[in-house]
Amino acid sequence: ILLAWFFGIVLGWFPIAGAYSFSLRPTWSWAFLLDLLHHWFLPFA
């Protein structure tokens, strides 16, 4: 919760919900993989 508040809401660096953006569909593309890592970082951290 603390990481989501600080890095997601205060700084806006990372998304705070979901595994990928709602505008994307799972594919083996660089755009999707980078977006997947972007959403993955805070839970991993």
All heavy atoms as atom14 arrays in JSON, in Angstrom:
{
  "sequence": "ILLAWFFGIVLGWFPIAGAYSFSLRPTWSWAFLLDLLHHWFLPFA",
  "atom14_mask": [
    [1, 1, 1, 1, 1, 1, 1, 1, 0, 0, 0, 0, 0, 0],
    [1, 1, 1, 1, 1, 1, 1, 1, 0, 0, 0, 0, 0, 0],
    [1, 1, 1, 1, 1, 1, 1, 1, 0, 0, 0, 0, 0, 0],
    [1, 1, 1, 1, 1, 0, 0, 0, 0, 0, 0, 0, 0, 0],
    [1, 1, 1, 1, 1, 1, 1, 1, 1, 1, 1, 1, 1, 1],
    [1, 1, 1, 1, 1, 1, 1, 1, 1, 1, 1, 0, 0, 0],
    [1, 1, 1, 1, 1, 1, 1, 1, 1, 1, 1, 0, 0, 0],
    [1, 1, 1, 1, 0, 0, 0, 0, 0, 0, 0, 0, 0, 0],
    [1, 1, 1, 1, 1, 1, 1, 1, 0, 0, 0, 0, 0, 0],
    [1, 1, 1, 1, 1, 1, 1, 0, 0, 0, 0, 0, 0, 0],
    [1, 1, 1, 1, 1, 1, 1, 1, 0, 0, 0, 0, 0, 0],
    [1, 1, 1, 1, 0, 0, 0, 0, 0, 0, 0, 0, 0, 0],
    [1, 1, 1, 1, 1, 1, 1, 1, 1, 1, 1, 1, 1, 1],
    [1, 1, 1, 1, 1, 1, 1, 1, 1, 1, 1, 0, 0, 0],
    [1, 1, 1, 1, 1, 1, 1, 0, 0, 0, 0, 0, 0, 0],
    [1, 1, 1, 1, 1, 1, 1, 1, 0, 0, 0, 0, 0, 0],
    [1, 1, 1, 1, 1, 0, 0, 0, 0, 0, 0, 0, 0, 0],
    [1, 1, 1, 1, 0, 0, 0, 0, 0, 0, 0, 0, 0, 0],
    [1, 1, 1, 1, 1, 0, 0, 0, 0, 0, 0, 0, 0, 0],
    [1, 1, 1, 1, 1, 1, 1, 1, 1, 1, 1, 1, 0, 0],
    [1, 1, 1, 1, 1, 1, 0, 0, 0, 0, 0, 0, 0, 0],
    [1, 1, 1, 1, 1, 1, 1, 1, 1, 1, 1, 0, 0, 0],
    [1, 1, 1, 1, 1, 1, 0, 0, 0, 0, 0, 0, 0, 0],
    [1, 1, 1, 1, 1, 1, 1, 1, 0, 0, 0, 0, 0, 0],
    [1, 1, 1, 1, 1, 1, 1, 1, 1, 1, 1, 0, 0, 0],
    [1, 1, 1, 1, 1, 1, 1, 0, 0, 0, 0, 0, 0, 0],
    [1, 1, 1, 1, 1, 1, 1, 0, 0, 0, 0, 0, 0, 0],
    [1, 1, 1, 1, 1, 1, 1, 1, 1, 1, 1, 1, 1, 1],
    [1, 1, 1, 1, 1, 1, 0, 0, 0, 0, 0, 0, 0, 0],
    [1, 1, 1, 1, 1, 1, 1, 1, 1, 1, 1, 1, 1, 1],
    [1, 1, 1, 1, 1, 0, 0, 0, 0, 0, 0, 0, 0, 0],
    [1, 1, 1, 1, 1, 1, 1, 1, 1, 1, 1, 0, 0, 0],
    [1, 1, 1, 1, 1, 1, 1, 1, 0, 0, 0, 0, 0, 0],
    [1, 1, 1, 1, 1, 1, 1, 1, 0, 0, 0, 0, 0, 0],
    [1, 1, 1, 1, 1, 1, 1, 1, 0, 0, 0, 0, 0, 0],
    [1, 1, 1, 1, 1, 1, 1, 1, 0, 0, 0, 0, 0, 0],
    [1, 1, 1, 1, 1, 1, 1, 1, 0, 0, 0, 0, 0, 0],
    [1, 1, 1, 1, 1, 1, 1, 1, 1, 1, 0, 0, 0, 0],
    [1, 1, 1, 1, 1, 1, 1, 1, 1, 1, 0, 0, 0, 0],
    [1, 1, 1, 1, 1, 1, 1, 1, 1, 1, 1, 1, 1, 1],
    [1, 1, 1, 1, 1, 1, 1, 1, 1, 1, 1, 0, 0, 0],
    [1, 1, 1, 1, 1, 1, 1, 1, 0, 0, 0, 0, 0, 0],
    [1, 1, 1, 1, 1, 1, 1, 0, 0, 0, 0, 0, 0, 0],
    [1, 1, 1, 1, 1, 1, 1, 1, 1, 1, 1, 0, 0, 0],
    [1, 1, 1, 1, 1, 0, 0, 0, 0, 0, 0, 0, 0, 0]
  ],
  "atom14_positions": [
    [[0.84, -1.21, 0.0], [0.0, 0.0, 0.0], [0.86, 1.24, 0.0], [0.58, 2.22, -0.71], [-0.94, -0.02, 1.22], [-1.96, -1.15, 1.08], [-1.66, 1.31, 1.37], [-2.8, -1.38, 2.31], [0.0, 0.0, 0.0], [0.0, 0.0, 0.0], [0.0, 0.0, 0.0], [0.0, 0.0, 0.0], [0.0, 0.0, 0.0], [0.0, 0.0, 0.0]],
    [[1.95, 1.22, 0.79], [2.85, 2.39, 0.86], [3.52, 2.64, -0.48], [3.6, 3.79, -0.94], [3.9, 2.14, 1.94], [4.83, 3.32, 2.28], [4.03, 4.48, 2.84], [5.91, 2.89, 3.27], [0.0, 0.0, 0.0], [0.0, 0.0, 0.0], [0.0, 0.0, 0.0], [0.0, 0.0, 0.0], [0.0, 0.0, 0.0], [0.0, 0.0, 0.0]],
    [[4.01, 1.59, -1.14], [4.64, 1.74, -2.45], [3.64, 2.24, -3.49], [3.97, 3.09, -4.33], [5.26, 0.41, -2.9], [6.46, -0.1, -2.11], [6.87, -1.48, -2.61], [7.63, 0.87, -2.21], [0.0, 0.0, 0.0], [0.0, 0.0, 0.0], [0.0, 0.0, 0.0], [0.0, 0.0, 0.0], [0.0, 0.0, 0.0], [0.0, 0.0, 0.0]],
    [[2.43, 1.68, -3.45], [1.4, 2.11, -4.4], [1.06, 3.59, -4.2], [0.89, 4.33, -5.18], [0.15, 1.26, -4.25], [0.0, 0.0, 0.0], [0.0, 0.0, 0.0], [0.0, 0.0, 0.0], [0.0, 0.0, 0.0], [0.0, 0.0, 0.0], [0.0, 0.0, 0.0], [0.0, 0.0, 0.0], [0.0, 0.0, 0.0], [0.0, 0.0, 0.0]],
    [[0.97, 4.01, -2.95], [0.64, 5.42, -2.67], [1.76, 6.36, -3.13], [1.49, 7.35, -3.81], [0.4, 5.61, -1.17], [0.31, 7.06, -0.76], [-0.74, 7.89, -0.94], [1.35, 7.83, -0.14], [-0.44, 9.16, -0.47], [0.84, 9.13, 0.03], [2.65, 7.54, 0.29], [1.59, 10.15, 0.62], [3.39, 8.54, 0.88], [2.86, 9.83, 1.03]],
    [[3.01, 6.01, -2.79], [4.1, 6.94, -3.08], [4.49, 6.92, -4.56], [4.53, 7.97, -5.22], [5.32, 6.59, -2.22], [6.46, 7.57, -2.37], [6.37, 8.85, -1.85], [7.61, 7.21, -3.06], [7.42, 9.75, -2.0], [8.66, 8.1, -3.21], [8.56, 9.37, -2.68], [0.0, 0.0, 0.0], [0.0, 0.0, 0.0], [0.0, 0.0, 0.0]],
    [[4.77, 5.73, -5.1], [5.26, 5.64, -6.49], [4.12, 5.67, -7.51], [4.35, 6.05, -8.66], [6.08, 4.36, -6.68], [7.4, 4.38, -5.98], [7.57, 3.7, -4.78], [8.48, 5.09, -6.5], [8.79, 3.71, -4.12], [9.7, 5.11, -5.85], [9.85, 4.42, -4.65], [0.0, 0.0, 0.0], [0.0, 0.0, 0.0], [0.0, 0.0, 0.0]],
    [[2.93, 5.28, -7.09], [1.82, 5.25, -8.03], [0.97, 6.49, -8.02], [0.57, 7.0, -9.08], [0.0, 0.0, 0.0], [0.0, 0.0, 0.0], [0.0, 0.0, 0.0], [0.0, 0.0, 0.0], [0.0, 0.0, 0.0], [0.0, 0.0, 0.0], [0.0, 0.0, 0.0], [0.0, 0.0, 0.0], [0.0, 0.0, 0.0], [0.0, 0.0, 0.0]],
    [[0.7, 7.03, -6.82], [-0.2, 8.18, -6.72], [0.57, 9.49, -6.59], [0.32, 10.46, -7.33], [-1.16, 8.0, -5.52], [-2.04, 6.77, -5.76], [-2.02, 9.25, -5.32], [-2.95, 6.44, -4.61], [0.0, 0.0, 0.0], [0.0, 0.0, 0.0], [0.0, 0.0, 0.0], [0.0, 0.0, 0.0], [0.0, 0.0, 0.0], [0.0, 0.0, 0.0]],
    [[1.53, 9.55, -5.66], [2.28, 10.8, -5.44], [3.17, 11.11, -6.63], [3.12, 12.2, -7.21], [3.1, 10.71, -4.15], [3.95, 11.98, -3.98], [2.19, 10.54, -2.94], [0.0, 0.0, 0.0], [0.0, 0.0, 0.0], [0.0, 0.0, 0.0], [0.0, 0.0, 0.0], [0.0, 0.0, 0.0], [0.0, 0.0, 0.0], [0.0, 0.0, 0.0]],
    [[4.03, 10.15, -7.01], [4.96, 10.39, -8.12], [4.37, 10.03, -9.48], [4.79, 10.58, -10.5], [6.25, 9.58, -7.9], [7.05, 9.91, -6.64], [8.29, 9.03, -6.54], [7.46, 11.39, -6.64], [0.0, 0.0, 0.0], [0.0, 0.0, 0.0], [0.0, 0.0, 0.0], [0.0, 0.0, 0.0], [0.0, 0.0, 0.0], [0.0, 0.0, 0.0]],
    [[3.42, 9.09, -9.5], [2.81, 8.69, -10.77], [3.72, 7.92, -11.69], [3.52, 7.92, -12.91], [0.0, 0.0, 0.0], [0.0, 0.0, 0.0], [0.0, 0.0, 0.0], [0.0, 0.0, 0.0], [0.0, 0.0, 0.0], [0.0, 0.0, 0.0], [0.0, 0.0, 0.0], [0.0, 0.0, 0.0], [0.0, 0.0, 0.0], [0.0, 0.0, 0.0]],
    [[4.72, 7.25, -11.13], [5.67, 6.52, -11.96], [5.15, 5.15, -12.41], [5.5, 4.68, -13.49], [6.99, 6.31, -11.2], [7.77, 7.58, -11.0], [7.47, 8.81, -11.49], [8.97, 7.72, -10.24], [8.4, 9.73, -11.09], [9.35, 9.08, -10.32], [9.76, 6.85, -9.49], [10.49, 9.57, -9.68], [10.89, 7.34, -8.86], [11.24, 8.68, -8.96]],
    [[4.35, 4.51, -11.55], [3.91, 3.15, -11.84], [2.4, 3.04, -11.66], [1.81, 3.74, -10.83], [4.59, 2.15, -10.9], [6.08, 2.06, -11.05], [6.91, 2.78, -10.2], [6.64, 1.29, -12.05], [8.29, 2.7, -10.34], [8.01, 1.22, -12.2], [8.84, 1.93, -11.33], [0.0, 0.0, 0.0], [0.0, 0.0, 0.0], [0.0, 0.0, 0.0]],
    [[1.76, 2.17, -12.43], [0.32, 1.9, -12.22], [0.13, 1.13, -10.92], [1.04, 0.43, -10.47], [-0.07, 1.07, -13.43], [1.21, 0.44, -13.89], [2.31, 1.41, -13.57], [0.0, 0.0, 0.0], [0.0, 0.0, 0.0], [0.0, 0.0, 0.0], [0.0, 0.0, 0.0], [0.0, 0.0, 0.0], [0.0, 0.0, 0.0], [0.0, 0.0, 0.0]],
    [[-1.04, 1.25, -10.33], [-1.28, 0.63, -9.02], [-2.28, -0.52, -9.08], [-2.62, -1.08, -8.04], [-1.77, 1.68, -8.01], [-3.09, 2.3, -8.48], [-0.72, 2.75, -7.79], [-3.72, 3.23, -7.47], [0.0, 0.0, 0.0], [0.0, 0.0, 0.0], [0.0, 0.0, 0.0], [0.0, 0.0, 0.0], [0.0, 0.0, 0.0], [0.0, 0.0, 0.0]],
    [[-2.75, -0.88, -10.26], [-3.73, -1.96, -10.35], [-3.61, -2.66, -11.7], [-3.27, -2.04, -12.72], [-5.15, -1.42, -10.18], [0.0, 0.0, 0.0], [0.0, 0.0, 0.0], [0.0, 0.0, 0.0], [0.0, 0.0, 0.0], [0.0, 0.0, 0.0], [0.0, 0.0, 0.0], [0.0, 0.0, 0.0], [0.0, 0.0, 0.0], [0.0, 0.0, 0.0]],
    [[-3.89, -3.97, -11.67], [-3.9, -4.75, -12.91], [-2.53, -5.26, -13.29], [-1.5, -4.88, -12.71], [0.0, 0.0, 0.0], [0.0, 0.0, 0.0], [0.0, 0.0, 0.0], [0.0, 0.0, 0.0], [0.0, 0.0, 0.0], [0.0, 0.0, 0.0], [0.0, 0.0, 0.0], [0.0, 0.0, 0.0], [0.0, 0.0, 0.0], [0.0, 0.0, 0.0]],
    [[-2.51, -6.16, -14.28], [-1.25, -6.71, -14.78], [-0.8, -6.03, -16.05], [0.38, -6.11, -16.41], [-1.4, -8.21, -15.03], [0.0, 0.0, 0.0], [0.0, 0.0, 0.0], [0.0, 0.0, 0.0], [0.0, 0.0, 0.0], [0.0, 0.0, 0.0], [0.0, 0.0, 0.0], [0.0, 0.0, 0.0], [0.0, 0.0, 0.0], [0.0, 0.0, 0.0]],
    [[-1.72, -5.34, -16.72], [-1.38, -4.59, -17.93], [-2.51, -3.6, -18.19], [-3.58, -3.67, -17.57], [-1.17, -5.51, -19.14], [-2.29, -6.48, -19.39], [-3.41, -6.12, -20.15], [-2.25, -7.78, -18.88], [-4.44, -7.01, -20.37], [-3.28, -8.67, -19.09], [-4.37, -8.29, -19.84], [-5.41, -9.16, -20.05], [0.0, 0.0, 0.0], [0.0, 0.0, 0.0]],
    [[-2.26, -2.67, -19.08], [-3.24, -1.62, -19.35], [-4.49, -2.2, -20.02], [-4.41, -3.15, -20.81], [-2.63, -0.55, -20.26], [-1.51, 0.05, -19.62], [0.0, 0.0, 0.0], [0.0, 0.0, 0.0], [0.0, 0.0, 0.0], [0.0, 0.0, 0.0], [0.0, 0.0, 0.0], [0.0, 0.0, 0.0], [0.0, 0.0, 0.0], [0.0, 0.0, 0.0]],
    [[-5.63, -1.62, -19.7], [-6.89, -2.1, -20.27], [-6.95, -1.88, -21.78], [-7.72, -2.55, -22.47], [-8.07, -1.38, -19.6], [-8.22, -1.72, -18.14], [-8.06, -0.76, -17.17], [-8.52, -3.02, -17.75], [-8.2, -1.07, -15.83], [-8.66, -3.35, -16.41], [-8.49, -2.37, -15.44], [0.0, 0.0, 0.0], [0.0, 0.0, 0.0], [0.0, 0.0, 0.0]],
    [[-6.16, -0.97, -22.3], [-6.18, -0.69, -23.73], [-5.39, -1.72, -24.54], [-5.44, -1.71, -25.77], [-5.6, 0.7, -24.01], [-4.27, 0.8, -23.53], [0.0, 0.0, 0.0], [0.0, 0.0, 0.0], [0.0, 0.0, 0.0], [0.0, 0.0, 0.0], [0.0, 0.0, 0.0], [0.0, 0.0, 0.0], [0.0, 0.0, 0.0], [0.0, 0.0, 0.0]],
    [[-4.66, -2.62, -23.86], [-3.83, -3.61, -24.54], [-4.43, -5.01, -24.4], [-5.23, -5.27, -23.51], [-2.41, -3.61, -23.96], [-1.6, -2.32, -24.11], [-0.25, -2.46, -23.42], [-1.4, -1.97, -25.58], [0.0, 0.0, 0.0], [0.0, 0.0, 0.0], [0.0, 0.0, 0.0], [0.0, 0.0, 0.0], [0.0, 0.0, 0.0], [0.0, 0.0, 0.0]],
    [[-4.02, -5.88, -25.29], [-4.39, -7.29, -25.24], [-3.1, -8.1, -25.17], [-2.11, -7.73, -25.8], [-5.22, -7.69, -26.46], [-6.62, -7.1, -26.46], [-7.48, -7.73, -25.36], [-8.81, -7.14, -25.28], [-9.13, -6.11, -24.52], [-8.18, -5.54, -23.77], [-10.36, -5.64, -24.49], [0.0, 0.0, 0.0], [0.0, 0.0, 0.0], [0.0, 0.0, 0.0]],
    [[-3.09, -9.23, -24.42], [-1.87, -10.02, -24.3], [-1.34, -10.49, -25.65], [-2.01, -11.25, -26.36], [-2.31, -11.21, -23.43], [-3.47, -10.7, -22.66], [-4.19, -9.75, -23.59], [0.0, 0.0, 0.0], [0.0, 0.0, 0.0], [0.0, 0.0, 0.0], [0.0, 0.0, 0.0], [0.0, 0.0, 0.0], [0.0, 0.0, 0.0], [0.0, 0.0, 0.0]],
    [[-0.16, -10.05, -25.99], [0.53, -10.46, -27.22], [2.02, -10.52, -26.93], [2.5, -9.99, -25.93], [0.27, -9.46, -28.37], [0.71, -8.15, -27.97], [-1.19, -9.4, -28.75], [0.0, 0.0, 0.0], [0.0, 0.0, 0.0], [0.0, 0.0, 0.0], [0.0, 0.0, 0.0], [0.0, 0.0, 0.0], [0.0, 0.0, 0.0], [0.0, 0.0, 0.0]],
    [[2.76, -11.15, -27.82], [4.22, -11.19, -27.69], [4.84, -9.99, -28.39], [5.72, -10.13, -29.23], [4.76, -12.5, -28.24], [4.4, -13.69, -27.42], [3.51, -14.65, -27.73], [4.94, -14.03, -26.15], [3.42, -15.58, -26.73], [4.3, -15.23, -25.73], [5.89, -13.45, -25.3], [4.58, -15.85, -24.53], [6.16, -14.07, -24.09], [5.52, -15.25, -23.71]],
    [[4.41, -8.82, -28.02], [4.96, -7.59, -28.6], [5.74, -6.83, -27.53], [5.47, -6.98, -26.33], [3.84, -6.69, -29.15], [2.98, -6.26, -28.11], [0.0, 0.0, 0.0], [0.0, 0.0, 0.0], [0.0, 0.0, 0.0], [0.0, 0.0, 0.0], [0.0, 0.0, 0.0], [0.0, 0.0, 0.0], [0.0, 0.0, 0.0], [0.0, 0.0, 0.0]],
    [[6.69, -6.0, -27.98], [7.49, -5.24, -27.02], [6.62, -4.27, -26.22], [6.84, -4.05, -25.03], [8.61, -4.5, -27.73], [9.74, -5.39, -28.15], [10.1, -5.75, -29.41], [10.66, -6.04, -27.27], [11.17, -6.6, -29.39], [11.55, -6.78, -28.08], [10.82, -6.08, -25.89], [12.59, -7.54, -27.55], [11.87, -6.84, -25.35], [12.72, -7.56, -26.19]],
    [[5.63, -3.71, -26.87], [4.76, -2.75, -26.19], [4.03, -3.43, -25.02], [3.95, -2.87, -23.92], [3.75, -2.16, -27.17], [0.0, 0.0, 0.0], [0.0, 0.0, 0.0], [0.0, 0.0, 0.0], [0.0, 0.0, 0.0], [0.0, 0.0, 0.0], [0.0, 0.0, 0.0], [0.0, 0.0, 0.0], [0.0, 0.0, 0.0], [0.0, 0.0, 0.0]],
    [[3.51, -4.64, -25.26], [2.79, -5.34, -24.19], [3.74, -5.79, -23.1], [3.44, -5.67, -21.9], [2.05, -6.55, -24.75], [1.38, -7.38, -23.69], [0.2, -6.96, -23.11], [1.95, -8.57, -23.26], [-0.41, -7.71, -22.11], [1.35, -9.33, -22.27], [0.17, -8.89, -21.71], [0.0, 0.0, 0.0], [0.0, 0.0, 0.0], [0.0, 0.0, 0.0]],
    [[4.92, -6.34, -23.46], [5.87, -6.83, -22.45], [6.37, -5.7, -21.56], [6.52, -5.86, -20.33], [7.04, -7.53, -23.14], [6.7, -8.83, -23.88], [7.92, -9.38, -24.58], [6.12, -9.86, -22.91], [0.0, 0.0, 0.0], [0.0, 0.0, 0.0], [0.0, 0.0, 0.0], [0.0, 0.0, 0.0], [0.0, 0.0, 0.0], [0.0, 0.0, 0.0]],
    [[6.65, -4.54, -22.14], [7.1, -3.4, -21.34], [5.99, -2.92, -20.41], [6.24, -2.56, -19.26], [7.56, -2.27, -22.25], [8.87, -2.53, -23.03], [9.15, -1.38, -23.99], [10.04, -2.71, -22.05], [0.0, 0.0, 0.0], [0.0, 0.0, 0.0], [0.0, 0.0, 0.0], [0.0, 0.0, 0.0], [0.0, 0.0, 0.0], [0.0, 0.0, 0.0]],
    [[4.77, -2.92, -20.92], [3.63, -2.53, -20.08], [3.42, -3.55, -18.96], [3.09, -3.18, -17.82], [2.38, -2.43, -20.94], [1.21, -1.84, -20.18], [1.21, -0.63, -19.91], [0.29, -2.6, -19.82], [0.0, 0.0, 0.0], [0.0, 0.0, 0.0], [0.0, 0.0, 0.0], [0.0, 0.0, 0.0], [0.0, 0.0, 0.0], [0.0, 0.0, 0.0]],
    [[3.65, -4.84, -19.25], [3.53, -5.89, -18.25], [4.56, -5.69, -17.14], [4.24, -5.79, -15.95], [3.74, -7.25, -18.92], [3.4, -8.5, -18.1], [1.9, -8.6, -17.89], [3.92, -9.74, -18.82], [0.0, 0.0, 0.0], [0.0, 0.0, 0.0], [0.0, 0.0, 0.0], [0.0, 0.0, 0.0], [0.0, 0.0, 0.0], [0.0, 0.0, 0.0]],
    [[5.79, -5.38, -17.51], [6.84, -5.11, -16.52], [6.53, -3.86, -15.71], [6.82, -3.8, -14.51], [8.2, -4.97, -17.22], [8.83, -6.24, -17.76], [10.07, -5.91, -18.58], [9.19, -7.19, -16.63], [0.0, 0.0, 0.0], [0.0, 0.0, 0.0], [0.0, 0.0, 0.0], [0.0, 0.0, 0.0], [0.0, 0.0, 0.0], [0.0, 0.0, 0.0]],
    [[5.94, -2.87, -16.35], [5.59, -1.63, -15.67], [4.57, -1.9, -14.55], [4.68, -1.34, -13.45], [5.02, -0.65, -16.7], [5.01, 0.76, -16.23], [4.07, 1.68, -16.63], [5.81, 1.43, -15.36], [4.3, 2.84, -16.06], [5.36, 2.71, -15.28], [0.0, 0.0, 0.0], [0.0, 0.0, 0.0], [0.0, 0.0, 0.0], [0.0, 0.0, 0.0]],
    [[3.59, -2.76, -14.8], [2.59, -3.1, -13.8], [3.14, -4.09, -12.77], [2.68, -4.13, -11.62], [1.35, -3.72, -14.46], [0.47, -2.73, -15.15], [0.81, -2.14, -16.35], [-0.74, -2.22, -14.8], [-0.17, -1.3, -16.72], [-1.1, -1.34, -15.8], [0.0, 0.0, 0.0], [0.0, 0.0, 0.0], [0.0, 0.0, 0.0], [0.0, 0.0, 0.0]],
    [[4.12, -4.89, -13.16], [4.67, -5.94, -12.3], [5.61, -5.41, -11.23], [5.76, -6.0, -10.16], [5.41, -6.94, -13.2], [6.33, -7.9, -12.52], [6.0, -9.1, -11.96], [7.75, -7.77, -12.35], [7.12, -9.72, -11.46], [8.2, -8.92, -11.69], [8.67, -6.79, -12.72], [9.55, -9.12, -11.37], [10.01, -6.98, -12.4], [10.43, -8.14, -11.74]],
    [[6.22, -4.26, -11.47], [7.33, -3.82, -10.63], [6.93, -3.6, -9.17], [7.61, -4.06, -8.26], [7.95, -2.53, -11.2], [9.12, -2.05, -10.38], [10.36, -2.65, -10.53], [8.98, -1.02, -9.46], [11.45, -2.23, -9.76], [10.05, -0.6, -8.7], [11.29, -1.21, -8.86], [0.0, 0.0, 0.0], [0.0, 0.0, 0.0], [0.0, 0.0, 0.0]],
    [[5.84, -2.9, -8.91], [5.47, -2.6, -7.52], [5.1, -3.85, -6.72], [5.56, -3.99, -5.58], [4.33, -1.57, -7.49], [4.71, -0.13, -7.86], [3.51, 0.79, -7.71], [5.87, 0.37, -7.01], [0.0, 0.0, 0.0], [0.0, 0.0, 0.0], [0.0, 0.0, 0.0], [0.0, 0.0, 0.0], [0.0, 0.0, 0.0], [0.0, 0.0, 0.0]],
    [[4.28, -4.78, -7.26], [4.05, -6.02, -6.49], [5.34, -6.79, -6.23], [5.54, -7.31, -5.13], [3.09, -6.82, -7.38], [2.43, -5.81, -8.24], [3.44, -4.73, -8.46], [0.0, 0.0, 0.0], [0.0, 0.0, 0.0], [0.0, 0.0, 0.0], [0.0, 0.0, 0.0], [0.0, 0.0, 0.0], [0.0, 0.0, 0.0], [0.0, 0.0, 0.0]],
    [[6.21, -6.85, -7.24], [7.5, -7.53, -7.06], [8.33, -6.85, -5.98], [8.91, -7.51, -5.11], [8.26, -7.54, -8.38], [9.73, -7.8, -8.22], [10.2, -9.09, -8.01], [10.65, -6.76, -8.27], [11.56, -9.33, -7.84], [12.0, -6.99, -8.11], [12.46, -8.29, -7.89], [0.0, 0.0, 0.0], [0.0, 0.0, 0.0], [0.0, 0.0, 0.0]],
    [[8.4, -5.52, -6.03], [9.23, -4.78, -5.07], [8.74, -4.99, -3.64], [9.55, -5.12, -2.72], [9.23, -3.29, -5.42], [0.0, 0.0, 0.0], [0.0, 0.0, 0.0], [0.0, 0.0, 0.0], [0.0, 0.0, 0.0], [0.0, 0.0, 0.0], [0.0, 0.0, 0.0], [0.0, 0.0, 0.0], [0.0, 0.0, 0.0], [0.0, 0.0, 0.0]]
  ]
}
